[in-house]
Amino acid sequence: MDIALFQSSLKEKGIDLSPQQMEQFDLYYELLVEWNEKMNLTSITDKKDVYLKHFYDSISAAFYFDFSKPLSLCDVGAGAGFPSIPINICFPHLHVSIVDSLQKRITFLTELTNRLGLKHVTLHHDRAETFGQNPEFRESYDIVTARAVARLSVLSELCIPLVKKDGYFIAMKGAAAQDELEAGKKALQVLGGKVQHTHSFELPMENSERTIFIIEKQKSTPKKYPRKPGTPNKLPIE
Protein backbone atom coordinates (compact mmCIF):
# COMPACT_ATOMS: atom_id res chain seq x y z
CA MET A 1 0.00 0.00 0.00
CA ASP A 2 1.70 3.18 -1.13
CA ILE A 3 1.35 6.38 0.89
CA ALA A 4 -1.22 8.01 -1.42
CA LEU A 5 -3.45 4.91 -1.28
CA PHE A 6 -3.03 4.72 2.50
CA GLN A 7 -4.24 8.31 2.84
CA SER A 8 -7.12 7.98 0.36
CA SER A 9 -8.27 4.63 1.79
CA LEU A 10 -8.49 6.14 5.28
CA LYS A 11 -10.29 9.20 3.92
CA GLU A 12 -12.94 6.88 2.43
CA LYS A 13 -13.47 5.55 5.96
CA GLY A 14 -13.90 9.08 7.35
CA ILE A 15 -10.35 9.49 8.69
CA ASP A 16 -8.88 12.56 7.00
CA LEU A 17 -5.18 12.83 7.86
CA SER A 18 -3.43 16.22 7.93
CA PRO A 19 0.04 16.78 6.43
CA GLN A 20 1.42 16.71 10.00
CA GLN A 21 -0.18 13.31 10.68
CA MET A 22 1.22 11.96 7.40
CA GLU A 23 4.67 13.18 8.51
CA GLN A 24 4.21 11.35 11.81
CA PHE A 25 3.53 8.09 9.97
CA ASP A 26 6.59 8.65 7.78
CA LEU A 27 8.79 9.24 10.85
CA TYR A 28 7.23 6.22 12.56
CA TYR A 29 8.26 4.08 9.60
CA GLU A 30 11.83 5.46 9.61
CA LEU A 31 12.27 4.89 13.36
CA LEU A 32 10.78 1.39 13.15
CA VAL A 33 13.26 0.35 10.46
CA GLU A 34 16.19 2.07 12.20
CA TRP A 35 15.51 0.45 15.59
CA ASN A 36 14.68 -2.89 14.00
CA GLU A 37 18.35 -3.22 13.07
CA LYS A 38 19.21 -3.11 16.79
CA MET A 39 16.36 -5.25 18.13
CA ASN A 40 13.70 -7.55 16.73
CA LEU A 41 10.58 -5.37 16.51
CA THR A 42 9.05 -6.69 13.30
CA SER A 43 9.77 -9.03 10.40
CA ILE A 44 7.91 -6.58 8.10
CA THR A 45 10.15 -3.72 6.96
CA ASP A 46 9.19 -2.99 3.33
CA LYS A 47 7.54 0.44 3.36
CA LYS A 48 4.37 -0.56 1.48
CA ASP A 49 3.98 -3.61 3.71
CA VAL A 50 4.42 -1.60 6.91
CA TYR A 51 1.79 0.91 5.78
CA LEU A 52 -0.66 -1.90 4.99
CA LYS A 53 0.05 -4.64 7.55
CA HIS A 54 0.94 -2.45 10.51
CA PHE A 55 -0.47 1.08 10.06
CA TYR A 56 -3.67 0.46 8.09
CA ASP A 57 -4.36 -2.82 9.89
CA SER A 58 -4.03 -1.11 13.30
CA ILE A 59 -6.32 1.75 12.31
CA SER A 60 -8.97 -0.69 11.03
CA ALA A 61 -10.30 -0.87 14.62
CA ALA A 62 -11.53 2.72 14.09
CA PHE A 63 -13.68 1.63 11.14
CA TYR A 64 -15.92 -0.21 13.62
CA PHE A 65 -15.55 1.75 16.86
CA ASP A 66 -15.92 5.49 17.49
CA PHE A 67 -12.63 6.85 18.84
CA SER A 68 -13.65 10.50 18.42
CA LYS A 69 -14.83 10.84 22.04
CA PRO A 70 -12.53 11.59 25.01
CA LEU A 71 -11.48 8.06 25.93
CA SER A 72 -8.74 6.23 27.81
CA LEU A 73 -7.20 3.29 25.96
CA CYS A 74 -4.84 0.59 27.20
CA ASP A 75 -2.89 -1.49 24.67
CA VAL A 76 -1.71 -4.85 26.04
CA GLY A 77 1.44 -6.33 24.50
CA ALA A 78 1.79 -3.56 21.94
CA GLY A 79 5.27 -4.58 20.80
CA ALA A 80 6.33 -1.86 18.37
CA GLY A 81 3.18 0.14 19.17
CA PHE A 82 0.43 -1.67 17.28
CA PRO A 83 -2.47 -0.91 17.25
CA SER A 84 -2.38 1.97 19.75
CA ILE A 85 0.21 4.34 18.21
CA PRO A 86 -1.34 4.46 14.70
CA ILE A 87 -4.77 4.95 16.34
CA ASN A 88 -3.32 7.73 18.52
CA ILE A 89 -1.78 9.50 15.53
CA CYS A 90 -5.26 9.57 13.95
CA PHE A 91 -7.00 10.50 17.24
CA PRO A 92 -4.43 12.53 19.22
CA HIS A 93 -6.91 13.42 22.00
CA LEU A 94 -6.97 9.81 23.25
CA HIS A 95 -5.19 9.03 26.52
CA VAL A 96 -3.16 5.91 25.74
CA SER A 97 -1.39 3.50 28.10
CA ILE A 98 0.86 0.80 26.67
CA VAL A 99 1.86 -2.28 28.66
CA ASP A 100 4.76 -4.42 27.51
CA SER A 101 6.91 -6.93 29.36
CA LEU A 102 10.16 -6.22 27.46
CA GLN A 103 12.20 -3.20 28.56
CA LYS A 104 13.88 -2.83 25.15
CA ARG A 105 10.49 -2.36 23.49
CA ILE A 106 9.55 0.24 26.11
CA THR A 107 12.85 2.03 25.30
CA PHE A 108 11.90 2.10 21.61
CA LEU A 109 8.35 3.30 22.39
CA THR A 110 9.71 6.07 24.64
CA GLU A 111 11.88 7.36 21.79
CA LEU A 112 9.03 6.91 19.29
CA THR A 113 6.37 8.78 21.26
CA ASN A 114 8.80 11.60 22.08
CA ARG A 115 9.86 12.01 18.44
CA LEU A 116 6.27 11.83 17.18
CA GLY A 117 5.20 14.44 19.75
CA LEU A 118 2.38 12.30 21.16
CA LYS A 119 1.22 14.11 24.28
CA HIS A 120 -1.03 11.59 26.02
CA VAL A 121 0.91 8.31 25.98
CA THR A 122 2.05 6.52 29.16
CA LEU A 123 4.33 3.49 28.97
CA HIS A 124 4.36 0.66 31.51
CA HIS A 125 7.07 -1.99 31.71
CA ASP A 126 5.06 -4.81 33.25
CA ARG A 127 3.48 -8.20 32.67
CA ALA A 128 -0.20 -7.91 31.80
CA GLU A 129 -1.04 -10.33 34.63
CA THR A 130 0.49 -8.13 37.34
CA PHE A 131 -0.64 -4.87 35.71
CA GLY A 132 -4.23 -6.15 35.73
CA GLN A 133 -4.05 -6.78 39.49
CA ASN A 134 -2.71 -3.28 40.22
CA PRO A 135 -5.58 -1.33 41.92
CA GLU A 136 -4.41 1.87 40.20
CA PHE A 137 -5.14 0.45 36.73
CA ARG A 138 -7.60 -2.39 37.24
CA GLU A 139 -11.06 -1.69 35.71
CA SER A 140 -9.99 1.87 34.86
CA TYR A 141 -9.93 2.04 31.03
CA ASP A 142 -12.72 2.84 28.59
CA ILE A 143 -11.11 0.61 25.95
CA VAL A 144 -8.48 -2.11 26.03
CA THR A 145 -6.97 -3.27 22.73
CA ALA A 146 -4.79 -6.21 21.74
CA ARG A 147 -3.69 -7.30 18.29
CA ALA A 148 -2.91 -10.98 17.73
CA VAL A 149 -0.98 -11.33 21.01
CA ALA A 150 -2.48 -14.70 22.08
CA ARG A 151 -5.61 -16.75 21.51
CA LEU A 152 -8.85 -15.15 22.68
CA SER A 153 -9.32 -17.22 25.85
CA VAL A 154 -5.86 -16.13 27.07
CA LEU A 155 -6.14 -12.58 25.78
CA SER A 156 -9.47 -12.06 27.54
CA GLU A 157 -7.89 -12.84 30.92
CA LEU A 158 -5.07 -10.37 30.25
CA CYS A 159 -7.31 -7.57 28.97
CA ILE A 160 -10.83 -7.68 30.42
CA PRO A 161 -9.71 -7.07 34.05
CA LEU A 162 -8.39 -3.66 32.89
CA VAL A 163 -11.67 -2.58 31.26
CA LYS A 164 -14.06 -0.50 33.35
CA LYS A 165 -17.66 -1.70 33.61
CA ASP A 166 -19.57 -0.71 30.43
CA GLY A 167 -16.23 -0.25 28.65
CA TYR A 168 -14.93 -2.32 25.74
CA PHE A 169 -12.25 -4.85 24.91
CA ILE A 170 -11.35 -4.70 21.21
CA ALA A 171 -9.65 -7.92 20.08
CA MET A 172 -8.04 -7.80 16.63
CA LYS A 173 -7.64 -11.30 15.23
CA GLY A 174 -6.67 -13.15 12.06
CA ALA A 175 -8.05 -16.12 10.16
CA ALA A 176 -8.91 -18.52 13.02
CA ALA A 177 -11.03 -15.97 14.87
CA GLN A 178 -14.31 -17.90 14.96
CA ASP A 179 -12.62 -21.03 16.35
CA GLU A 180 -10.97 -18.85 19.00
CA LEU A 181 -14.32 -17.32 19.89
CA GLU A 182 -15.85 -20.77 20.41
CA ALA A 183 -12.95 -21.77 22.68
CA GLY A 184 -13.07 -18.41 24.48
CA LYS A 185 -16.78 -18.27 25.34
CA LYS A 186 -16.29 -19.58 28.88
CA ALA A 187 -13.49 -17.07 29.55
CA LEU A 188 -15.64 -14.15 28.40
CA GLN A 189 -18.50 -15.26 30.62
CA VAL A 190 -16.27 -15.76 33.69
CA LEU A 191 -14.45 -12.44 33.20
CA GLY A 192 -17.59 -10.35 32.65
CA GLY A 193 -17.42 -9.72 28.89
CA LYS A 194 -19.95 -10.25 26.12
CA VAL A 195 -19.34 -10.00 22.36
CA GLN A 196 -21.46 -7.13 21.06
CA HIS A 197 -20.21 -7.02 17.47
CA THR A 198 -18.07 -9.20 15.20
CA HIS A 199 -16.61 -7.51 12.12
CA SER A 200 -14.86 -9.66 9.51
CA PHE A 201 -13.12 -8.20 6.48
CA GLU A 202 -10.17 -8.72 4.18
CA LEU A 203 -7.06 -6.57 4.36
CA PRO A 204 -6.82 -4.74 1.00
CA MET A 205 -4.35 -5.92 -1.66
CA GLU A 206 -3.21 -9.13 0.06
CA ASN A 207 -6.79 -10.19 0.97
CA SER A 208 -5.86 -11.84 4.27
CA GLU A 209 -8.70 -12.39 6.73
CA ARG A 210 -9.21 -10.09 9.69
CA THR A 211 -11.81 -10.18 12.46
CA ILE A 212 -12.43 -7.54 15.10
CA PHE A 213 -14.42 -8.51 18.19
CA ILE A 214 -16.03 -5.63 20.10
CA ILE A 215 -16.57 -7.05 23.58
CA GLU A 216 -18.55 -5.09 26.16
CA LYS A 217 -17.72 -5.49 29.84
CA GLN A 218 -21.07 -6.04 31.51
CA LYS A 219 -19.96 -6.97 35.02
CA SER A 220 -16.87 -6.71 37.22
CA THR A 221 -14.12 -9.30 36.83
CA PRO A 222 -13.67 -11.66 39.82
CA LYS A 223 -10.66 -10.61 41.91
CA LYS A 224 -8.69 -13.80 41.20
CA TYR A 225 -8.21 -12.80 37.54
CA PRO A 226 -5.78 -12.29 35.97
CA ARG A 227 -3.90 -15.15 37.63
CA LYS A 228 -0.13 -15.26 38.18
CA PRO A 229 2.21 -14.53 35.22
CA GLY A 230 2.28 -17.43 32.78
CA THR A 231 -0.82 -19.17 34.21
CA PRO A 232 -3.38 -17.80 31.70
CA ASN A 233 -1.29 -19.20 28.86
CA LYS A 234 -0.62 -22.56 30.51
CA LEU A 235 -4.13 -23.10 31.89
CA PRO A 236 -6.56 -21.00 29.80
CA ILE A 237 -10.17 -20.64 30.94
CA GLU A 238 -11.76 -22.96 28.39
C-alpha atoms as a PDB file:
ATOM      1  CA  MET A   1       0.000   0.000   0.000  1.00  0.00           C
ATOM      2  CA  ASP A   2       1.704   3.180  -1.129  1.00  0.00           C
ATOM      3  CA  ILE A   3       1.348   6.382   0.886  1.00  0.00           C
ATOM      4  CA  ALA A   4      -1.223   8.006  -1.420  1.00  0.00           C
ATOM      5  CA  LEU A   5      -3.454   4.913  -1.281  1.00  0.00           C
ATOM      6  CA  PHE A   6      -3.034   4.724   2.504  1.00  0.00           C
ATOM      7  CA  GLN A   7      -4.241   8.312   2.843  1.00  0.00           C
ATOM      8  CA  SER A   8      -7.124   7.978   0.355  1.00  0.00           C
ATOM      9  CA  SER A   9      -8.275   4.632   1.794  1.00  0.00           C
ATOM     10  CA  LEU A  10      -8.493   6.142   5.282  1.00  0.00           C
ATOM     11  CA  LYS A  11     -10.290   9.196   3.924  1.00  0.00           C
ATOM     12  CA  GLU A  12     -12.936   6.884   2.430  1.00  0.00           C
ATOM     13  CA  LYS A  13     -13.467   5.555   5.962  1.00  0.00           C
ATOM     14  CA  GLY A  14     -13.902   9.083   7.346  1.00  0.00           C
ATOM     15  CA  ILE A  15     -10.352   9.488   8.692  1.00  0.00           C
ATOM     16  CA  ASP A  16      -8.875  12.560   6.996  1.00  0.00           C
ATOM     17  CA  LEU A  17      -5.180  12.835   7.857  1.00  0.00           C
ATOM     18  CA  SER A  18      -3.434  16.218   7.925  1.00  0.00           C
ATOM     19  CA  PRO A  19       0.044  16.775   6.426  1.00  0.00           C
ATOM     20  CA  GLN A  20       1.425  16.708  10.004  1.00  0.00           C
ATOM     21  CA  GLN A  21      -0.182  13.315  10.680  1.00  0.00           C
ATOM     22  CA  MET A  22       1.218  11.960   7.405  1.00  0.00           C
ATOM     23  CA  GLU A  23       4.668  13.184   8.506  1.00  0.00           C
ATOM     24  CA  GLN A  24       4.214  11.351  11.815  1.00  0.00           C
ATOM     25  CA  PHE A  25       3.526   8.087   9.970  1.00  0.00           C
ATOM     26  CA  ASP A  26       6.588   8.647   7.781  1.00  0.00           C
ATOM     27  CA  LEU A  27       8.787   9.244  10.848  1.00  0.00           C
ATOM     28  CA  TYR A  28       7.228   6.217  12.556  1.00  0.00           C
ATOM     29  CA  TYR A  29       8.258   4.079   9.597  1.00  0.00           C
ATOM     30  CA  GLU A  30      11.827   5.458   9.610  1.00  0.00           C
ATOM     31  CA  LEU A  31      12.270   4.887  13.360  1.00  0.00           C
ATOM     32  CA  LEU A  32      10.776   1.391  13.149  1.00  0.00           C
ATOM     33  CA  VAL A  33      13.264   0.351  10.463  1.00  0.00           C
ATOM     34  CA  GLU A  34      16.191   2.071  12.203  1.00  0.00           C
ATOM     35  CA  TRP A  35      15.506   0.445  15.592  1.00  0.00           C
ATOM     36  CA  ASN A  36      14.675  -2.894  13.995  1.00  0.00           C
ATOM     37  CA  GLU A  37      18.355  -3.220  13.073  1.00  0.00           C
ATOM     38  CA  LYS A  38      19.211  -3.114  16.790  1.00  0.00           C
ATOM     39  CA  MET A  39      16.362  -5.251  18.126  1.00  0.00           C
ATOM     40  CA  ASN A  40      13.703  -7.547  16.726  1.00  0.00           C
ATOM     41  CA  LEU A  41      10.585  -5.366  16.513  1.00  0.00           C
ATOM     42  CA  THR A  42       9.048  -6.688  13.299  1.00  0.00           C
ATOM     43  CA  SER A  43       9.768  -9.031  10.402  1.00  0.00           C
ATOM     44  CA  ILE A  44       7.907  -6.584   8.100  1.00  0.00           C
ATOM     45  CA  THR A  45      10.149  -3.719   6.962  1.00  0.00           C
ATOM     46  CA  ASP A  46       9.186  -2.990   3.335  1.00  0.00           C
ATOM     47  CA  LYS A  47       7.539   0.442   3.356  1.00  0.00           C
ATOM     48  CA  LYS A  48       4.374  -0.558   1.478  1.00  0.00           C
ATOM     49  CA  ASP A  49       3.975  -3.608   3.706  1.00  0.00           C
ATOM     50  CA  VAL A  50       4.419  -1.595   6.914  1.00  0.00           C
ATOM     51  CA  TYR A  51       1.788   0.914   5.783  1.00  0.00           C
ATOM     52  CA  LEU A  52      -0.655  -1.905   4.986  1.00  0.00           C
ATOM     53  CA  LYS A  53       0.048  -4.635   7.546  1.00  0.00           C
ATOM     54  CA  HIS A  54       0.942  -2.449  10.511  1.00  0.00           C
ATOM     55  CA  PHE A  55      -0.470   1.077  10.062  1.00  0.00           C
ATOM     56  CA  TYR A  56      -3.675   0.464   8.090  1.00  0.00           C
ATOM     57  CA  ASP A  57      -4.359  -2.823   9.886  1.00  0.00           C
ATOM     58  CA  SER A  58      -4.025  -1.111  13.296  1.00  0.00           C
ATOM     59  CA  ILE A  59      -6.321   1.750  12.307  1.00  0.00           C
ATOM     60  CA  SER A  60      -8.974  -0.686  11.029  1.00  0.00           C
ATOM     61  CA  ALA A  61     -10.305  -0.865  14.618  1.00  0.00           C
ATOM     62  CA  ALA A  62     -11.528   2.720  14.087  1.00  0.00           C
ATOM     63  CA  PHE A  63     -13.680   1.629  11.139  1.00  0.00           C
ATOM     64  CA  TYR A  64     -15.921  -0.208  13.619  1.00  0.00           C
ATOM     65  CA  PHE A  65     -15.548   1.748  16.862  1.00  0.00           C
ATOM     66  CA  ASP A  66     -15.920   5.492  17.493  1.00  0.00           C
ATOM     67  CA  PHE A  67     -12.633   6.853  18.835  1.00  0.00           C
ATOM     68  CA  SER A  68     -13.650  10.495  18.416  1.00  0.00           C
ATOM     69  CA  LYS A  69     -14.825  10.842  22.040  1.00  0.00           C
ATOM     70  CA  PRO A  70     -12.534  11.594  25.014  1.00  0.00           C
ATOM     71  CA  LEU A  71     -11.479   8.059  25.929  1.00  0.00           C
ATOM     72  CA  SER A  72      -8.735   6.234  27.814  1.00  0.00           C
ATOM     73  CA  LEU A  73      -7.202   3.294  25.958  1.00  0.00           C
ATOM     74  CA  CYS A  74      -4.841   0.590  27.204  1.00  0.00           C
ATOM     75  CA  ASP A  75      -2.892  -1.488  24.672  1.00  0.00           C
ATOM     76  CA  VAL A  76      -1.715  -4.846  26.041  1.00  0.00           C
ATOM     77  CA  GLY A  77       1.441  -6.333  24.499  1.00  0.00           C
ATOM     78  CA  ALA A  78       1.786  -3.561  21.941  1.00  0.00           C
ATOM     79  CA  GLY A  79       5.269  -4.584  20.802  1.00  0.00           C
ATOM     80  CA  ALA A  80       6.331  -1.863  18.372  1.00  0.00           C
ATOM     81  CA  GLY A  81       3.180   0.142  19.170  1.00  0.00           C
ATOM     82  CA  PHE A  82       0.432  -1.671  17.282  1.00  0.00           C
ATOM     83  CA  PRO A  83      -2.465  -0.915  17.246  1.00  0.00           C
ATOM     84  CA  SER A  84      -2.383   1.974  19.750  1.00  0.00           C
ATOM     85  CA  ILE A  85       0.206   4.341  18.210  1.00  0.00           C
ATOM     86  CA  PRO A  86      -1.335   4.459  14.698  1.00  0.00           C
ATOM     87  CA  ILE A  87      -4.767   4.952  16.344  1.00  0.00           C
ATOM     88  CA  ASN A  88      -3.325   7.731  18.521  1.00  0.00           C
ATOM     89  CA  ILE A  89      -1.782   9.498  15.533  1.00  0.00           C
ATOM     90  CA  CYS A  90      -5.261   9.565  13.949  1.00  0.00           C
ATOM     91  CA  PHE A  91      -6.996  10.503  17.236  1.00  0.00           C
ATOM     92  CA  PRO A  92      -4.435  12.533  19.219  1.00  0.00           C
ATOM     93  CA  HIS A  93      -6.912  13.423  22.002  1.00  0.00           C
ATOM     94  CA  LEU A  94      -6.973   9.806  23.255  1.00  0.00           C
ATOM     95  CA  HIS A  95      -5.186   9.028  26.516  1.00  0.00           C
ATOM     96  CA  VAL A  96      -3.159   5.910  25.737  1.00  0.00           C
ATOM     97  CA  SER A  97      -1.389   3.502  28.102  1.00  0.00           C
ATOM     98  CA  ILE A  98       0.862   0.800  26.665  1.00  0.00           C
ATOM     99  CA  VAL A  99       1.856  -2.284  28.657  1.00  0.00           C
ATOM    100  CA  ASP A 100       4.761  -4.417  27.505  1.00  0.00           C
ATOM    101  CA  SER A 101       6.911  -6.926  29.359  1.00  0.00           C
ATOM    102  CA  LEU A 102      10.157  -6.221  27.460  1.00  0.00           C
ATOM    103  CA  GLN A 103      12.202  -3.200  28.556  1.00  0.00           C
ATOM    104  CA  LYS A 104      13.878  -2.831  25.148  1.00  0.00           C
ATOM    105  CA  ARG A 105      10.486  -2.356  23.492  1.00  0.00           C
ATOM    106  CA  ILE A 106       9.554   0.243  26.114  1.00  0.00           C
ATOM    107  CA  THR A 107      12.849   2.034  25.303  1.00  0.00           C
ATOM    108  CA  PHE A 108      11.899   2.103  21.611  1.00  0.00           C
ATOM    109  CA  LEU A 109       8.351   3.299  22.392  1.00  0.00           C
ATOM    110  CA  THR A 110       9.714   6.066  24.640  1.00  0.00           C
ATOM    111  CA  GLU A 111      11.880   7.364  21.788  1.00  0.00           C
ATOM    112  CA  LEU A 112       9.032   6.908  19.295  1.00  0.00           C
ATOM    113  CA  THR A 113       6.366   8.777  21.264  1.00  0.00           C
ATOM    114  CA  ASN A 114       8.795  11.604  22.076  1.00  0.00           C
ATOM    115  CA  ARG A 115       9.864  12.013  18.440  1.00  0.00           C
ATOM    116  CA  LEU A 116       6.268  11.833  17.184  1.00  0.00           C
ATOM    117  CA  GLY A 117       5.199  14.436  19.750  1.00  0.00           C
ATOM    118  CA  LEU A 118       2.379  12.300  21.158  1.00  0.00           C
ATOM    119  CA  LYS A 119       1.216  14.115  24.276  1.00  0.00           C
ATOM    120  CA  HIS A 120      -1.026  11.586  26.021  1.00  0.00           C
ATOM    121  CA  VAL A 121       0.915   8.309  25.978  1.00  0.00           C
ATOM    122  CA  THR A 122       2.053   6.523  29.159  1.00  0.00           C
ATOM    123  CA  LEU A 123       4.329   3.487  28.972  1.00  0.00           C
ATOM    124  CA  HIS A 124       4.359   0.658  31.514  1.00  0.00           C
ATOM    125  CA  HIS A 125       7.072  -1.990  31.712  1.00  0.00           C
ATOM    126  CA  ASP A 126       5.064  -4.815  33.251  1.00  0.00           C
ATOM    127  CA  ARG A 127       3.476  -8.198  32.674  1.00  0.00           C
ATOM    128  CA  ALA A 128      -0.203  -7.908  31.797  1.00  0.00           C
ATOM    129  CA  GLU A 129      -1.044 -10.325  34.631  1.00  0.00           C
ATOM    130  CA  THR A 130       0.492  -8.126  37.343  1.00  0.00           C
ATOM    131  CA  PHE A 131      -0.639  -4.872  35.713  1.00  0.00           C
ATOM    132  CA  GLY A 132      -4.225  -6.152  35.727  1.00  0.00           C
ATOM    133  CA  GLN A 133      -4.048  -6.782  39.488  1.00  0.00           C
ATOM    134  CA  ASN A 134      -2.710  -3.277  40.220  1.00  0.00           C
ATOM    135  CA  PRO A 135      -5.576  -1.326  41.918  1.00  0.00           C
ATOM    136  CA  GLU A 136      -4.408   1.870  40.200  1.00  0.00           C
ATOM    137  CA  PHE A 137      -5.140   0.448  36.730  1.00  0.00           C
ATOM    138  CA  ARG A 138      -7.602  -2.393  37.241  1.00  0.00           C
ATOM    139  CA  GLU A 139     -11.057  -1.690  35.713  1.00  0.00           C
ATOM    140  CA  SER A 140      -9.989   1.869  34.863  1.00  0.00           C
ATOM    141  CA  TYR A 141      -9.928   2.037  31.031  1.00  0.00           C
ATOM    142  CA  ASP A 142     -12.722   2.837  28.586  1.00  0.00           C
ATOM    143  CA  ILE A 143     -11.115   0.611  25.952  1.00  0.00           C
ATOM    144  CA  VAL A 144      -8.478  -2.112  26.026  1.00  0.00           C
ATOM    145  CA  THR A 145      -6.969  -3.274  22.729  1.00  0.00           C
ATOM    146  CA  ALA A 146      -4.792  -6.211  21.736  1.00  0.00           C
ATOM    147  CA  ARG A 147      -3.687  -7.297  18.293  1.00  0.00           C
ATOM    148  CA  ALA A 148      -2.912 -10.981  17.726  1.00  0.00           C
ATOM    149  CA  VAL A 149      -0.982 -11.332  21.008  1.00  0.00           C
ATOM    150  CA  ALA A 150      -2.480 -14.695  22.076  1.00  0.00           C
ATOM    151  CA  ARG A 151      -5.606 -16.747  21.514  1.00  0.00           C
ATOM    152  CA  LEU A 152      -8.852 -15.149  22.682  1.00  0.00           C
ATOM    153  CA  SER A 153      -9.322 -17.225  25.854  1.00  0.00           C
ATOM    154  CA  VAL A 154      -5.865 -16.129  27.067  1.00  0.00           C
ATOM    155  CA  LEU A 155      -6.145 -12.582  25.775  1.00  0.00           C
ATOM    156  CA  SER A 156      -9.469 -12.065  27.544  1.00  0.00           C
ATOM    157  CA  GLU A 157      -7.889 -12.843  30.916  1.00  0.00           C
ATOM    158  CA  LEU A 158      -5.073 -10.367  30.247  1.00  0.00           C
ATOM    159  CA  CYS A 159      -7.306  -7.567  28.969  1.00  0.00           C
ATOM    160  CA  ILE A 160     -10.833  -7.676  30.415  1.00  0.00           C
ATOM    161  CA  PRO A 161      -9.713  -7.066  34.049  1.00  0.00           C
ATOM    162  CA  LEU A 162      -8.388  -3.664  32.890  1.00  0.00           C
ATOM    163  CA  VAL A 163     -11.673  -2.580  31.259  1.00  0.00           C
ATOM    164  CA  LYS A 164     -14.059  -0.505  33.353  1.00  0.00           C
ATOM    165  CA  LYS A 165     -17.661  -1.703  33.607  1.00  0.00           C
ATOM    166  CA  ASP A 166     -19.569  -0.712  30.435  1.00  0.00           C
ATOM    167  CA  GLY A 167     -16.229  -0.247  28.650  1.00  0.00           C
ATOM    168  CA  TYR A 168     -14.929  -2.316  25.737  1.00  0.00           C
ATOM    169  CA  PHE A 169     -12.251  -4.855  24.907  1.00  0.00           C
ATOM    170  CA  ILE A 170     -11.346  -4.702  21.210  1.00  0.00           C
ATOM    171  CA  ALA A 171      -9.650  -7.917  20.080  1.00  0.00           C
ATOM    172  CA  MET A 172      -8.036  -7.804  16.628  1.00  0.00           C
ATOM    173  CA  LYS A 173      -7.637 -11.305  15.232  1.00  0.00           C
ATOM    174  CA  GLY A 174      -6.666 -13.147  12.057  1.00  0.00           C
ATOM    175  CA  ALA A 175      -8.049 -16.121  10.162  1.00  0.00           C
ATOM    176  CA  ALA A 176      -8.913 -18.523  13.021  1.00  0.00           C
ATOM    177  CA  ALA A 177     -11.028 -15.966  14.871  1.00  0.00           C
ATOM    178  CA  GLN A 178     -14.314 -17.895  14.957  1.00  0.00           C
ATOM    179  CA  ASP A 179     -12.618 -21.025  16.353  1.00  0.00           C
ATOM    180  CA  GLU A 180     -10.966 -18.847  19.003  1.00  0.00           C
ATOM    181  CA  LEU A 181     -14.318 -17.319  19.889  1.00  0.00           C
ATOM    182  CA  GLU A 182     -15.854 -20.771  20.413  1.00  0.00           C
ATOM    183  CA  ALA A 183     -12.949 -21.770  22.681  1.00  0.00           C
ATOM    184  CA  GLY A 184     -13.071 -18.412  24.477  1.00  0.00           C
ATOM    185  CA  LYS A 185     -16.783 -18.272  25.343  1.00  0.00           C
ATOM    186  CA  LYS A 186     -16.294 -19.578  28.878  1.00  0.00           C
ATOM    187  CA  ALA A 187     -13.489 -17.069  29.553  1.00  0.00           C
ATOM    188  CA  LEU A 188     -15.642 -14.154  28.395  1.00  0.00           C
ATOM    189  CA  GLN A 189     -18.498 -15.255  30.616  1.00  0.00           C
ATOM    190  CA  VAL A 190     -16.271 -15.765  33.687  1.00  0.00           C
ATOM    191  CA  LEU A 191     -14.450 -12.440  33.203  1.00  0.00           C
ATOM    192  CA  GLY A 192     -17.592 -10.347  32.649  1.00  0.00           C
ATOM    193  CA  GLY A 193     -17.424  -9.720  28.894  1.00  0.00           C
ATOM    194  CA  LYS A 194     -19.946 -10.251  26.117  1.00  0.00           C
ATOM    195  CA  VAL A 195     -19.341 -10.003  22.364  1.00  0.00           C
ATOM    196  CA  GLN A 196     -21.464  -7.132  21.062  1.00  0.00           C
ATOM    197  CA  HIS A 197     -20.205  -7.025  17.474  1.00  0.00           C
ATOM    198  CA  THR A 198     -18.074  -9.201  15.205  1.00  0.00           C
ATOM    199  CA  HIS A 199     -16.609  -7.505  12.124  1.00  0.00           C
ATOM    200  CA  SER A 200     -14.863  -9.664   9.510  1.00  0.00           C
ATOM    201  CA  PHE A 201     -13.116  -8.202   6.476  1.00  0.00           C
ATOM    202  CA  GLU A 202     -10.165  -8.716   4.177  1.00  0.00           C
ATOM    203  CA  LEU A 203      -7.058  -6.571   4.357  1.00  0.00           C
ATOM    204  CA  PRO A 204      -6.819  -4.740   1.000  1.00  0.00           C
ATOM    205  CA  MET A 205      -4.351  -5.918  -1.656  1.00  0.00           C
ATOM    206  CA  GLU A 206      -3.215  -9.129   0.062  1.00  0.00           C
ATOM    207  CA  ASN A 207      -6.795 -10.193   0.973  1.00  0.00           C
ATOM    208  CA  SER A 208      -5.857 -11.843   4.268  1.00  0.00           C
ATOM    209  CA  GLU A 209      -8.698 -12.390   6.729  1.00  0.00           C
ATOM    210  CA  ARG A 210      -9.211 -10.091   9.692  1.00  0.00           C
ATOM    211  CA  THR A 211     -11.809 -10.176  12.463  1.00  0.00           C
ATOM    212  CA  ILE A 212     -12.433  -7.543  15.100  1.00  0.00           C
ATOM    213  CA  PHE A 213     -14.421  -8.508  18.185  1.00  0.00           C
ATOM    214  CA  ILE A 214     -16.031  -5.628  20.099  1.00  0.00           C
ATOM    215  CA  ILE A 215     -16.566  -7.052  23.579  1.00  0.00           C
ATOM    216  CA  GLU A 216     -18.547  -5.087  26.163  1.00  0.00           C
ATOM    217  CA  LYS A 217     -17.721  -5.486  29.844  1.00  0.00           C
ATOM    218  CA  GLN A 218     -21.073  -6.036  31.514  1.00  0.00           C
ATOM    219  CA  LYS A 219     -19.964  -6.971  35.016  1.00  0.00           C
ATOM    220  CA  SER A 220     -16.873  -6.712  37.217  1.00  0.00           C
ATOM    221  CA  THR A 221     -14.123  -9.300  36.827  1.00  0.00           C
ATOM    222  CA  PRO A 222     -13.673 -11.660  39.821  1.00  0.00           C
ATOM    223  CA  LYS A 223     -10.658 -10.609  41.913  1.00  0.00           C
ATOM    224  CA  LYS A 224      -8.686 -13.800  41.204  1.00  0.00           C
ATOM    225  CA  TYR A 225      -8.214 -12.796  37.543  1.00  0.00           C
ATOM    226  CA  PRO A 226      -5.777 -12.290  35.974  1.00  0.00           C
ATOM    227  CA  ARG A 227      -3.905 -15.153  37.629  1.00  0.00           C
ATOM    228  CA  LYS A 228      -0.134 -15.258  38.182  1.00  0.00           C
ATOM    229  CA  PRO A 229       2.208 -14.533  35.218  1.00  0.00           C
ATOM    230  CA  GLY A 230       2.280 -17.433  32.780  1.00  0.00           C
ATOM    231  CA  THR A 231      -0.820 -19.172  34.210  1.00  0.00           C
ATOM    232  CA  PRO A 232      -3.381 -17.801  31.699  1.00  0.00           C
ATOM    233  CA  ASN A 233      -1.285 -19.203  28.860  1.00  0.00           C
ATOM    234  CA  LYS A 234      -0.623 -22.560  30.508  1.00  0.00           C
ATOM    235  CA  LEU A 235      -4.131 -23.097  31.889  1.00  0.00           C
ATOM    236  CA  PRO A 236      -6.558 -20.999  29.804  1.00  0.00           C
ATOM    237  CA  ILE A 237     -10.172 -20.637  30.945  1.00  0.00           C
ATOM    238  CA  GLU A 238     -11.763 -22.958  28.388  1.00  0.00           C
END
